[in-house]
Amino acid sequence: MNKSSATSQPSLYLFLLMLLPLQVQSSSDDLIDTVCKETPFCDLCEASLRPLTPSPSDPKSLASAMANIVLGNITDTLSYIQSLIRHSHDPAAERALAQCAELYRPVVRFNIPQAIEAMQRGEFGFSLYVLGDAEKQTDSCQKRINSTMADDENSVALTARNQLVKNLCDVAISVIKFLMNTR
């Protein structure tokens, strides 16, 4: 073996090693594209999953990531509701908000964390049920808000938050169904 081929082989290996992360990223991007196209809100799905580092590399990690995104958003919504309760001067609005908080608390504290754990064990049916229930809780909260707070500035913001949580639940459910169909 001559000296130039001995030095070029390590360079070739180094070059190939540098390309490996690009290939992994590309395949996870392809997976995100494939899975998100199966959801009712493809843009929301991609916007939620693409920024994650490291990028989820298999359908199970995508489903878990989406459930964690739902949990983060519903937790933020619960915090927002609690803030509105503290600053409310309208007893009817305060009651509606308190009812929303009661609907969201168990979802945040118990249901979705248990669904994420179940997903890691491969119990996807339970996760589907829990995320579907979380979506129903947002609907129930929204009905209470619509009936008492009407066009209040805070109700508009809460409506947007509830809609986002509902859409994220739809995406997470679709991702889990995709996972269940590809097993």
C-alpha atoms as a PDB file:
ATOM      1  CA  MET A   1       0.000   0.000   0.000  1.00  0.00           C
ATOM      2  CA  ASN A   2       1.476   3.340  -0.943  1.00  0.00           C
ATOM      3  CA  LYS A   3       1.531   6.332   1.331  1.00  0.00           C
ATOM      4  CA  SER A   4      -1.115   8.356  -0.553  1.00  0.00           C
ATOM      5  CA  SER A   5      -3.743   5.587  -0.381  1.00  0.00           C
ATOM      6  CA  ALA A   6      -3.057   5.110   3.330  1.00  0.00           C
ATOM      7  CA  THR A   7      -3.753   8.760   4.017  1.00  0.00           C
ATOM      8  CA  SER A   8      -6.749   8.952   1.705  1.00  0.00           C
ATOM      9  CA  GLN A   9      -8.545   6.004   3.338  1.00  0.00           C
ATOM     10  CA  PRO A  10      -8.866   7.690   6.743  1.00  0.00           C
ATOM     11  CA  SER A  11     -10.007  10.850   4.957  1.00  0.00           C
ATOM     12  CA  LEU A  12     -12.654   8.847   3.128  1.00  0.00           C
ATOM     13  CA  TYR A  13     -13.823   7.297   6.399  1.00  0.00           C
ATOM     14  CA  LEU A  14     -13.954  10.698   8.048  1.00  0.00           C
ATOM     15  CA  PHE A  15     -15.955  12.065   5.131  1.00  0.00           C
ATOM     16  CA  LEU A  16     -18.412   9.138   5.325  1.00  0.00           C
ATOM     17  CA  LEU A  17     -18.778   9.583   9.084  1.00  0.00           C
ATOM     18  CA  MET A  18     -19.623  13.234   8.545  1.00  0.00           C
ATOM     19  CA  LEU A  19     -22.361  12.252   6.064  1.00  0.00           C
ATOM     20  CA  LEU A  20     -23.968   9.747   8.445  1.00  0.00           C
ATOM     21  CA  PRO A  21     -25.851  12.344  10.551  1.00  0.00           C
ATOM     22  CA  LEU A  22     -27.188  13.889   7.338  1.00  0.00           C
ATOM     23  CA  GLN A  23     -28.585  10.513   6.289  1.00  0.00           C
ATOM     24  CA  VAL A  24     -30.189   9.961   9.722  1.00  0.00           C
ATOM     25  CA  GLN A  25     -31.712  13.453   9.635  1.00  0.00           C
ATOM     26  CA  SER A  26     -32.959  12.880   6.111  1.00  0.00           C
ATOM     27  CA  SER A  27     -34.635   9.589   7.023  1.00  0.00           C
ATOM     28  CA  SER A  28     -36.299  11.135  10.102  1.00  0.00           C
ATOM     29  CA  ASP A  29     -37.465  14.054   7.922  1.00  0.00           C
ATOM     30  CA  ASP A  30     -38.922  11.516   5.486  1.00  0.00           C
ATOM     31  CA  LEU A  31     -40.685   9.781   8.378  1.00  0.00           C
ATOM     32  CA  ILE A  32     -42.099  13.087   9.620  1.00  0.00           C
ATOM     33  CA  ASP A  33     -43.308  13.865   6.078  1.00  0.00           C
ATOM     34  CA  THR A  34     -44.892  10.434   5.710  1.00  0.00           C
ATOM     35  CA  VAL A  35     -46.608  10.444   9.095  1.00  0.00           C
ATOM     36  CA  CYS A  36     -47.747  14.075   9.021  1.00  0.00           C
ATOM     37  CA  LYS A  37     -49.388  13.619   5.624  1.00  0.00           C
ATOM     38  CA  GLU A  38     -51.681  11.084   7.322  1.00  0.00           C
ATOM     39  CA  THR A  39     -52.927  13.633   9.867  1.00  0.00           C
ATOM     40  CA  PRO A  40     -55.788  16.133   9.532  1.00  0.00           C
ATOM     41  CA  PHE A  41     -53.411  19.059  10.199  1.00  0.00           C
ATOM     42  CA  CYS A  42     -50.232  18.272   8.270  1.00  0.00           C
ATOM     43  CA  ASP A  43     -48.695  21.737   8.744  1.00  0.00           C
ATOM     44  CA  LEU A  44     -49.343  21.699  12.491  1.00  0.00           C
ATOM     45  CA  CYS A  45     -47.858  18.201  12.714  1.00  0.00           C
ATOM     46  CA  GLU A  46     -44.701  19.221  10.867  1.00  0.00           C
ATOM     47  CA  ALA A  47     -44.369  22.493  12.778  1.00  0.00           C
ATOM     48  CA  SER A  48     -44.641  20.540  16.032  1.00  0.00           C
ATOM     49  CA  LEU A  49     -42.222  17.720  15.191  1.00  0.00           C
ATOM     50  CA  ARG A  50     -39.514  19.293  13.008  1.00  0.00           C
ATOM     51  CA  PRO A  51     -37.987  21.545  15.706  1.00  0.00           C
ATOM     52  CA  LEU A  52     -37.456  18.614  18.091  1.00  0.00           C
ATOM     53  CA  THR A  53     -33.848  17.710  18.828  1.00  0.00           C
ATOM     54  CA  PRO A  54     -33.009  14.947  18.413  1.00  0.00           C
ATOM     55  CA  SER A  55     -35.566  14.388  15.715  1.00  0.00           C
ATOM     56  CA  PRO A  56     -37.856  11.421  16.416  1.00  0.00           C
ATOM     57  CA  SER A  57     -36.531   8.583  14.274  1.00  0.00           C
ATOM     58  CA  ASP A  58     -39.331   6.001  14.381  1.00  0.00           C
ATOM     59  CA  PRO A  59     -43.137   6.068  14.484  1.00  0.00           C
ATOM     60  CA  LYS A  60     -43.249   5.183  18.194  1.00  0.00           C
ATOM     61  CA  SER A  61     -41.000   8.108  19.132  1.00  0.00           C
ATOM     62  CA  LEU A  62     -43.078  10.405  16.875  1.00  0.00           C
ATOM     63  CA  ALA A  63     -46.262   9.334  18.653  1.00  0.00           C
ATOM     64  CA  SER A  64     -44.656   9.848  22.049  1.00  0.00           C
ATOM     65  CA  ALA A  65     -43.330  13.261  20.972  1.00  0.00           C
ATOM     66  CA  MET A  66     -46.810  14.342  19.808  1.00  0.00           C
ATOM     67  CA  ALA A  67     -48.359  13.223  23.106  1.00  0.00           C
ATOM     68  CA  ASN A  68     -45.718  15.259  24.955  1.00  0.00           C
ATOM     69  CA  ILE A  69     -46.533  18.265  22.768  1.00  0.00           C
ATOM     70  CA  VAL A  70     -50.233  17.860  23.629  1.00  0.00           C
ATOM     71  CA  LEU A  71     -49.306  17.641  27.315  1.00  0.00           C
ATOM     72  CA  GLY A  72     -47.217  20.819  27.088  1.00  0.00           C
ATOM     73  CA  ASN A  73     -49.973  22.753  25.358  1.00  0.00           C
ATOM     74  CA  ILE A  74     -52.775  21.596  27.620  1.00  0.00           C
ATOM     75  CA  THR A  75     -50.576  22.375  30.647  1.00  0.00           C
ATOM     76  CA  ASP A  76     -50.026  25.907  29.300  1.00  0.00           C
ATOM     77  CA  THR A  77     -53.764  26.245  28.703  1.00  0.00           C
ATOM     78  CA  LEU A  78     -54.509  25.156  32.275  1.00  0.00           C
ATOM     79  CA  SER A  79     -52.015  27.726  33.583  1.00  0.00           C
ATOM     80  CA  TYR A  80     -53.671  30.388  31.432  1.00  0.00           C
ATOM     81  CA  ILE A  81     -57.115  29.429  32.790  1.00  0.00           C
ATOM     82  CA  GLN A  82     -55.812  29.618  36.357  1.00  0.00           C
ATOM     83  CA  SER A  83     -54.403  33.067  35.628  1.00  0.00           C
ATOM     84  CA  LEU A  84     -57.766  34.194  34.236  1.00  0.00           C
ATOM     85  CA  ILE A  85     -59.503  32.900  37.378  1.00  0.00           C
ATOM     86  CA  ARG A  86     -57.156  34.935  39.609  1.00  0.00           C
ATOM     87  CA  HIS A  87     -57.882  38.117  37.661  1.00  0.00           C
ATOM     88  CA  SER A  88     -61.588  37.618  37.006  1.00  0.00           C
ATOM     89  CA  HIS A  89     -64.158  40.009  38.432  1.00  0.00           C
ATOM     90  CA  ASP A  90     -67.161  38.336  36.815  1.00  0.00           C
ATOM     91  CA  PRO A  91     -68.618  35.506  38.961  1.00  0.00           C
ATOM     92  CA  ALA A  92     -70.186  33.716  35.964  1.00  0.00           C
ATOM     93  CA  ALA A  93     -66.939  33.812  33.992  1.00  0.00           C
ATOM     94  CA  GLU A  94     -65.012  32.718  37.063  1.00  0.00           C
ATOM     95  CA  ARG A  95     -67.324  29.683  37.489  1.00  0.00           C
ATOM     96  CA  ALA A  96     -66.929  28.713  33.821  1.00  0.00           C
ATOM     97  CA  LEU A  97     -63.157  29.032  34.065  1.00  0.00           C
ATOM     98  CA  ALA A  98     -63.080  27.020  37.294  1.00  0.00           C
ATOM     99  CA  GLN A  99     -65.078  24.279  35.561  1.00  0.00           C
ATOM    100  CA  CYS A 100     -62.563  24.287  32.702  1.00  0.00           C
ATOM    101  CA  ALA A 101     -59.707  23.999  35.177  1.00  0.00           C
ATOM    102  CA  GLU A 102     -61.466  21.030  36.814  1.00  0.00           C
ATOM    103  CA  LEU A 103     -61.761  19.364  33.422  1.00  0.00           C
ATOM    104  CA  TYR A 104     -58.100  19.947  32.541  1.00  0.00           C
ATOM    105  CA  ARG A 105     -56.407  19.109  35.875  1.00  0.00           C
ATOM    106  CA  PRO A 106     -56.769  15.306  35.721  1.00  0.00           C
ATOM    107  CA  VAL A 107     -55.845  15.314  32.028  1.00  0.00           C
ATOM    108  CA  VAL A 108     -52.604  17.185  32.792  1.00  0.00           C
ATOM    109  CA  ARG A 109     -51.679  15.478  36.046  1.00  0.00           C
ATOM    110  CA  PHE A 110     -52.666  11.896  35.341  1.00  0.00           C
ATOM    111  CA  ASN A 111     -54.261  11.000  32.018  1.00  0.00           C
ATOM    112  CA  ILE A 112     -51.780  12.177  29.411  1.00  0.00           C
ATOM    113  CA  PRO A 113     -48.680  11.226  31.466  1.00  0.00           C
ATOM    114  CA  GLN A 114     -50.196   7.735  31.850  1.00  0.00           C
ATOM    115  CA  ALA A 115     -50.925   7.636  28.112  1.00  0.00           C
ATOM    116  CA  ILE A 116     -47.289   8.481  27.361  1.00  0.00           C
ATOM    117  CA  GLU A 117     -46.120   5.705  29.684  1.00  0.00           C
ATOM    118  CA  ALA A 118     -48.590   3.285  28.083  1.00  0.00           C
ATOM    119  CA  MET A 119     -47.279   4.219  24.637  1.00  0.00           C
ATOM    120  CA  GLN A 120     -43.752   3.344  25.719  1.00  0.00           C
ATOM    121  CA  ARG A 121     -45.073  -0.087  26.741  1.00  0.00           C
ATOM    122  CA  GLY A 122     -46.814  -0.487  23.389  1.00  0.00           C
ATOM    123  CA  GLU A 123     -50.348   0.019  24.767  1.00  0.00           C
ATOM    124  CA  PHE A 124     -51.544   2.321  22.023  1.00  0.00           C
ATOM    125  CA  GLY A 125     -55.283   1.721  22.461  1.00  0.00           C
ATOM    126  CA  PHE A 126     -55.206   3.304  25.914  1.00  0.00           C
ATOM    127  CA  SER A 127     -53.289   6.287  24.537  1.00  0.00           C
ATOM    128  CA  LEU A 128     -55.906   6.759  21.804  1.00  0.00           C
ATOM    129  CA  TYR A 129     -58.652   6.700  24.404  1.00  0.00           C
ATOM    130  CA  VAL A 130     -56.923   9.241  26.658  1.00  0.00           C
ATOM    131  CA  LEU A 131     -56.141  11.666  23.832  1.00  0.00           C
ATOM    132  CA  GLY A 132     -59.721  11.367  22.570  1.00  0.00           C
ATOM    133  CA  ASP A 133     -60.929  12.137  26.090  1.00  0.00           C
ATOM    134  CA  ALA A 134     -58.600  15.160  26.309  1.00  0.00           C
ATOM    135  CA  GLU A 135     -60.136  16.428  23.087  1.00  0.00           C
ATOM    136  CA  LYS A 136     -63.630  16.017  24.581  1.00  0.00           C
ATOM    137  CA  GLN A 137     -62.545  17.983  27.659  1.00  0.00           C
ATOM    138  CA  THR A 138     -61.489  20.904  25.451  1.00  0.00           C
ATOM    139  CA  ASP A 139     -64.920  20.795  23.788  1.00  0.00           C
ATOM    140  CA  SER A 140     -66.662  20.807  27.182  1.00  0.00           C
ATOM    141  CA  CYS A 141     -64.529  23.710  28.370  1.00  0.00           C
ATOM    142  CA  GLN A 142     -65.215  25.646  25.186  1.00  0.00           C
ATOM    143  CA  LYS A 143     -68.979  25.194  25.541  1.00  0.00           C
ATOM    144  CA  ARG A 144     -68.813  26.662  29.048  1.00  0.00           C
ATOM    145  CA  ILE A 145     -66.727  29.589  27.855  1.00  0.00           C
ATOM    146  CA  ASN A 146     -69.028  30.255  24.894  1.00  0.00           C
ATOM    147  CA  SER A 147     -72.084  30.325  27.135  1.00  0.00           C
ATOM    148  CA  THR A 148     -70.679  32.783  29.697  1.00  0.00           C
ATOM    149  CA  MET A 149     -67.832  34.846  28.329  1.00  0.00           C
ATOM    150  CA  ALA A 150     -69.160  35.513  24.789  1.00  0.00           C
ATOM    151  CA  ASP A 151     -66.888  38.012  23.001  1.00  0.00           C
ATOM    152  CA  ASP A 152     -64.661  38.832  25.942  1.00  0.00           C
ATOM    153  CA  GLU A 153     -61.007  39.349  24.926  1.00  0.00           C
ATOM    154  CA  ASN A 154     -59.919  36.565  27.275  1.00  0.00           C
ATOM    155  CA  SER A 155     -62.449  34.134  25.830  1.00  0.00           C
ATOM    156  CA  VAL A 156     -61.060  34.710  22.336  1.00  0.00           C
ATOM    157  CA  ALA A 157     -57.552  33.835  23.543  1.00  0.00           C
ATOM    158  CA  LEU A 158     -58.831  30.806  25.456  1.00  0.00           C
ATOM    159  CA  THR A 159     -60.825  29.668  22.420  1.00  0.00           C
ATOM    160  CA  ALA A 160     -57.641  29.793  20.328  1.00  0.00           C
ATOM    161  CA  ARG A 161     -55.775  27.775  22.969  1.00  0.00           C
ATOM    162  CA  ASN A 162     -58.575  25.211  23.207  1.00  0.00           C
ATOM    163  CA  GLN A 163     -58.653  24.872  19.421  1.00  0.00           C
ATOM    164  CA  LEU A 164     -54.895  24.330  19.300  1.00  0.00           C
ATOM    165  CA  VAL A 165     -55.089  21.615  21.970  1.00  0.00           C
ATOM    166  CA  LYS A 166     -57.972  19.974  20.110  1.00  0.00           C
ATOM    167  CA  ASN A 167     -56.054  20.039  16.806  1.00  0.00           C
ATOM    168  CA  LEU A 168     -52.910  18.686  18.477  1.00  0.00           C
ATOM    169  CA  CYS A 169     -54.982  15.844  19.959  1.00  0.00           C
ATOM    170  CA  ASP A 170     -56.279  15.072  16.453  1.00  0.00           C
ATOM    171  CA  VAL A 171     -52.715  14.983  15.143  1.00  0.00           C
ATOM    172  CA  ALA A 172     -51.479  12.800  18.011  1.00  0.00           C
ATOM    173  CA  ILE A 173     -54.382  10.377  17.522  1.00  0.00           C
ATOM    174  CA  SER A 174     -53.609  10.167  13.800  1.00  0.00           C
ATOM    175  CA  VAL A 175     -49.922   9.528  14.490  1.00  0.00           C
ATOM    176  CA  ILE A 176     -50.808   6.706  16.914  1.00  0.00           C
ATOM    177  CA  LYS A 177     -53.215   5.199  14.384  1.00  0.00           C
ATOM    178  CA  PHE A 178     -50.472   5.362  11.749  1.00  0.00           C
ATOM    179  CA  LEU A 179     -48.150   3.586  14.170  1.00  0.00           C
ATOM    180  CA  MET A 180     -50.751   0.905  14.906  1.00  0.00           C
ATOM    181  CA  ASN A 181     -51.340   0.309  11.171  1.00  0.00           C
ATOM    182  CA  THR A 182     -47.635  -0.049  10.378  1.00  0.00           C
ATOM    183  CA  ARG A 183     -46.787  -2.567  13.107  1.00  0.00           C
END
